[in-house]
Amino acid sequence: MSKSSLTRLLIDLSASRALQRRLSEDPKAVADEYDLTSEEAELLEAGDDTKLKDYLGAVEPGVMIRTQFD
């Protein structure tokens, strides 16, 4: 799929603790639900903000991506 799927997932993650829990429990299922490519799923699972931002390219001002959840 396109990078928009990964972007949508990241936005959804910022708003949903339930989705954050699901991602930590079963990242493959969440990646499949959002139709992520294997590369995108690996980037997400690695939790490296720098690599995610590099992959996605420019991020709109004011948008912070948080991939590691306590």
N, C-alpha and C. Protein backbone atom coordinates (compact mmCIF):
# COMPACT_ATOMS: atom_id res chain seq x y z
N MET A 1 0.84 -1.18 0.00
CA MET A 1 0.00 0.00 0.00
C MET A 1 0.88 1.23 0.00
N SER A 2 0.27 2.37 0.04
CA SER A 2 1.03 3.61 0.01
C SER A 2 1.45 4.03 1.42
N LYS A 3 2.30 5.03 1.47
CA LYS A 3 2.77 5.53 2.76
C LYS A 3 1.62 6.13 3.56
N SER A 4 0.51 6.42 2.90
CA SER A 4 -0.63 7.00 3.62
C SER A 4 -1.19 6.01 4.65
N SER A 5 -1.07 4.72 4.40
CA SER A 5 -1.55 3.72 5.37
C SER A 5 -0.73 3.78 6.65
N LEU A 6 0.56 3.89 6.51
CA LEU A 6 1.44 3.99 7.67
C LEU A 6 1.18 5.30 8.41
N THR A 7 1.02 6.36 7.67
CA THR A 7 0.72 7.66 8.28
C THR A 7 -0.58 7.60 9.06
N ARG A 8 -1.61 7.00 8.47
CA ARG A 8 -2.91 6.87 9.14
C ARG A 8 -2.75 6.06 10.43
N LEU A 9 -1.99 4.97 10.38
CA LEU A 9 -1.78 4.16 11.58
C LEU A 9 -1.09 4.98 12.66
N LEU A 10 -0.07 5.74 12.32
CA LEU A 10 0.64 6.54 13.30
C LEU A 10 -0.28 7.58 13.94
N ILE A 11 -1.13 8.18 13.14
CA ILE A 11 -2.10 9.14 13.68
C ILE A 11 -3.07 8.44 14.62
N ASP A 12 -3.58 7.29 14.18
CA ASP A 12 -4.50 6.53 15.02
C ASP A 12 -3.84 6.10 16.33
N LEU A 13 -2.57 5.72 16.26
CA LEU A 13 -1.85 5.32 17.47
C LEU A 13 -1.74 6.46 18.47
N SER A 14 -1.58 7.68 17.96
CA SER A 14 -1.44 8.82 18.86
C SER A 14 -2.73 9.10 19.62
N ALA A 15 -3.86 8.58 19.13
CA ALA A 15 -5.15 8.87 19.74
C ALA A 15 -5.77 7.68 20.47
N SER A 16 -5.17 6.51 20.37
CA SER A 16 -5.85 5.33 20.89
C SER A 16 -4.93 4.44 21.72
N ARG A 17 -5.16 4.42 23.02
CA ARG A 17 -4.38 3.53 23.88
C ARG A 17 -4.69 2.06 23.56
N ALA A 18 -5.93 1.78 23.18
CA ALA A 18 -6.31 0.41 22.84
C ALA A 18 -5.51 -0.07 21.62
N LEU A 19 -5.36 0.79 20.63
CA LEU A 19 -4.58 0.42 19.45
C LEU A 19 -3.11 0.26 19.82
N GLN A 20 -2.62 1.09 20.71
CA GLN A 20 -1.24 0.96 21.17
C GLN A 20 -1.02 -0.41 21.82
N ARG A 21 -1.97 -0.82 22.65
CA ARG A 21 -1.87 -2.14 23.30
C ARG A 21 -1.91 -3.25 22.25
N ARG A 22 -2.83 -3.15 21.31
CA ARG A 22 -2.94 -4.16 20.25
C ARG A 22 -1.64 -4.25 19.47
N LEU A 23 -1.04 -3.11 19.18
CA LEU A 23 0.21 -3.11 18.43
C LEU A 23 1.31 -3.82 19.22
N SER A 24 1.37 -3.56 20.52
CA SER A 24 2.43 -4.21 21.32
C SER A 24 2.17 -5.70 21.48
N GLU A 25 0.90 -6.11 21.48
CA GLU A 25 0.56 -7.51 21.64
C GLU A 25 0.63 -8.30 20.34
N ASP A 26 0.25 -7.69 19.23
CA ASP A 26 0.20 -8.40 17.96
C ASP A 26 0.47 -7.45 16.79
N PRO A 27 1.74 -7.04 16.63
CA PRO A 27 2.06 -6.07 15.59
C PRO A 27 1.70 -6.53 14.18
N LYS A 28 1.80 -7.83 13.91
CA LYS A 28 1.47 -8.32 12.58
C LYS A 28 0.00 -8.11 12.25
N ALA A 29 -0.87 -8.38 13.22
CA ALA A 29 -2.31 -8.20 12.99
C ALA A 29 -2.64 -6.74 12.70
N VAL A 30 -2.03 -5.83 13.44
CA VAL A 30 -2.27 -4.40 13.22
C VAL A 30 -1.72 -3.98 11.86
N ALA A 31 -0.54 -4.45 11.52
CA ALA A 31 0.05 -4.13 10.21
C ALA A 31 -0.84 -4.65 9.09
N ASP A 32 -1.38 -5.85 9.26
CA ASP A 32 -2.29 -6.41 8.25
C ASP A 32 -3.57 -5.60 8.15
N GLU A 33 -4.09 -5.19 9.29
CA GLU A 33 -5.33 -4.41 9.31
C GLU A 33 -5.17 -3.09 8.54
N TYR A 34 -3.98 -2.50 8.64
CA TYR A 34 -3.71 -1.24 7.96
C TYR A 34 -3.07 -1.45 6.59
N ASP A 35 -2.96 -2.70 6.17
CA ASP A 35 -2.44 -3.04 4.85
C ASP A 35 -1.03 -2.48 4.61
N LEU A 36 -0.18 -2.61 5.64
CA LEU A 36 1.19 -2.13 5.52
C LEU A 36 2.02 -3.11 4.71
N THR A 37 3.02 -2.58 4.03
CA THR A 37 3.97 -3.44 3.35
C THR A 37 4.85 -4.10 4.41
N SER A 38 5.60 -5.12 4.02
CA SER A 38 6.50 -5.76 4.99
C SER A 38 7.56 -4.78 5.48
N GLU A 39 8.02 -3.91 4.60
CA GLU A 39 9.01 -2.90 4.99
C GLU A 39 8.42 -1.95 6.03
N GLU A 40 7.19 -1.50 5.80
CA GLU A 40 6.54 -0.59 6.75
C GLU A 40 6.31 -1.28 8.09
N ALA A 41 5.88 -2.53 8.06
CA ALA A 41 5.65 -3.28 9.29
C ALA A 41 6.95 -3.43 10.09
N GLU A 42 8.04 -3.70 9.41
CA GLU A 42 9.33 -3.83 10.07
C GLU A 42 9.77 -2.50 10.69
N LEU A 43 9.56 -1.41 9.95
CA LEU A 43 9.91 -0.09 10.48
C LEU A 43 9.10 0.22 11.74
N LEU A 44 7.83 -0.07 11.68
CA LEU A 44 6.96 0.20 12.81
C LEU A 44 7.36 -0.64 14.02
N GLU A 45 7.61 -1.91 13.79
CA GLU A 45 7.97 -2.81 14.88
C GLU A 45 9.31 -2.42 15.51
N ALA A 46 10.23 -1.91 14.70
CA ALA A 46 11.53 -1.49 15.21
C ALA A 46 11.40 -0.28 16.13
N GLY A 47 10.38 0.55 15.87
CA GLY A 47 10.14 1.70 16.74
C GLY A 47 11.18 2.80 16.67
N ASP A 48 11.84 2.93 15.54
CA ASP A 48 12.88 3.95 15.36
C ASP A 48 12.27 5.17 14.68
N ASP A 49 12.03 6.24 15.46
CA ASP A 49 11.40 7.45 14.92
C ASP A 49 12.16 8.02 13.73
N THR A 50 13.47 8.02 13.80
CA THR A 50 14.28 8.59 12.72
C THR A 50 14.06 7.83 11.42
N LYS A 51 14.09 6.52 11.49
CA LYS A 51 13.89 5.72 10.28
C LYS A 51 12.47 5.88 9.74
N LEU A 52 11.48 5.95 10.64
CA LEU A 52 10.10 6.17 10.19
C LEU A 52 9.96 7.52 9.48
N LYS A 53 10.53 8.55 10.07
CA LYS A 53 10.45 9.88 9.46
C LYS A 53 11.19 9.91 8.13
N ASP A 54 12.34 9.26 8.05
CA ASP A 54 13.08 9.19 6.79
C ASP A 54 12.26 8.48 5.72
N TYR A 55 11.61 7.39 6.10
CA TYR A 55 10.81 6.63 5.15
C TYR A 55 9.61 7.45 4.67
N LEU A 56 8.96 8.15 5.60
CA LEU A 56 7.77 8.90 5.25
C LEU A 56 8.07 10.21 4.54
N GLY A 57 9.30 10.69 4.68
CA GLY A 57 9.64 11.98 4.07
C GLY A 57 9.22 13.10 4.99
N ALA A 58 8.90 14.22 4.40
CA ALA A 58 8.55 15.41 5.18
C ALA A 58 7.30 15.15 6.01
N VAL A 59 7.36 15.60 7.24
CA VAL A 59 6.23 15.50 8.14
C VAL A 59 5.68 16.90 8.33
N GLU A 60 4.37 17.04 8.33
CA GLU A 60 3.76 18.35 8.50
C GLU A 60 4.21 18.98 9.81
N PRO A 61 4.41 20.32 9.81
CA PRO A 61 4.80 21.00 11.05
C PRO A 61 3.78 20.74 12.15
N GLY A 62 4.29 20.54 13.35
CA GLY A 62 3.42 20.34 14.49
C GLY A 62 2.99 18.90 14.71
N VAL A 63 3.32 18.02 13.78
CA VAL A 63 2.94 16.62 13.93
C VAL A 63 4.12 15.86 14.52
N MET A 64 3.88 15.26 15.67
CA MET A 64 4.93 14.48 16.30
C MET A 64 4.55 13.01 16.21
N ILE A 65 5.49 12.19 15.84
CA ILE A 65 5.24 10.76 15.73
C ILE A 65 5.86 10.10 16.95
N ARG A 66 5.03 9.37 17.68
CA ARG A 66 5.51 8.67 18.85
C ARG A 66 5.28 7.19 18.63
N THR A 67 6.35 6.43 18.56
CA THR A 67 6.20 5.01 18.25
C THR A 67 6.48 4.10 19.43
N GLN A 68 7.11 4.63 20.46
CA GLN A 68 7.39 3.79 21.63
C GLN A 68 6.41 4.14 22.72
N PHE A 69 5.70 3.14 23.22
CA PHE A 69 4.69 3.38 24.24
C PHE A 69 5.06 2.61 25.49
N ASP A 70 4.79 3.24 26.62
CA ASP A 70 5.08 2.59 27.90
C ASP A 70 4.02 1.58 28.24
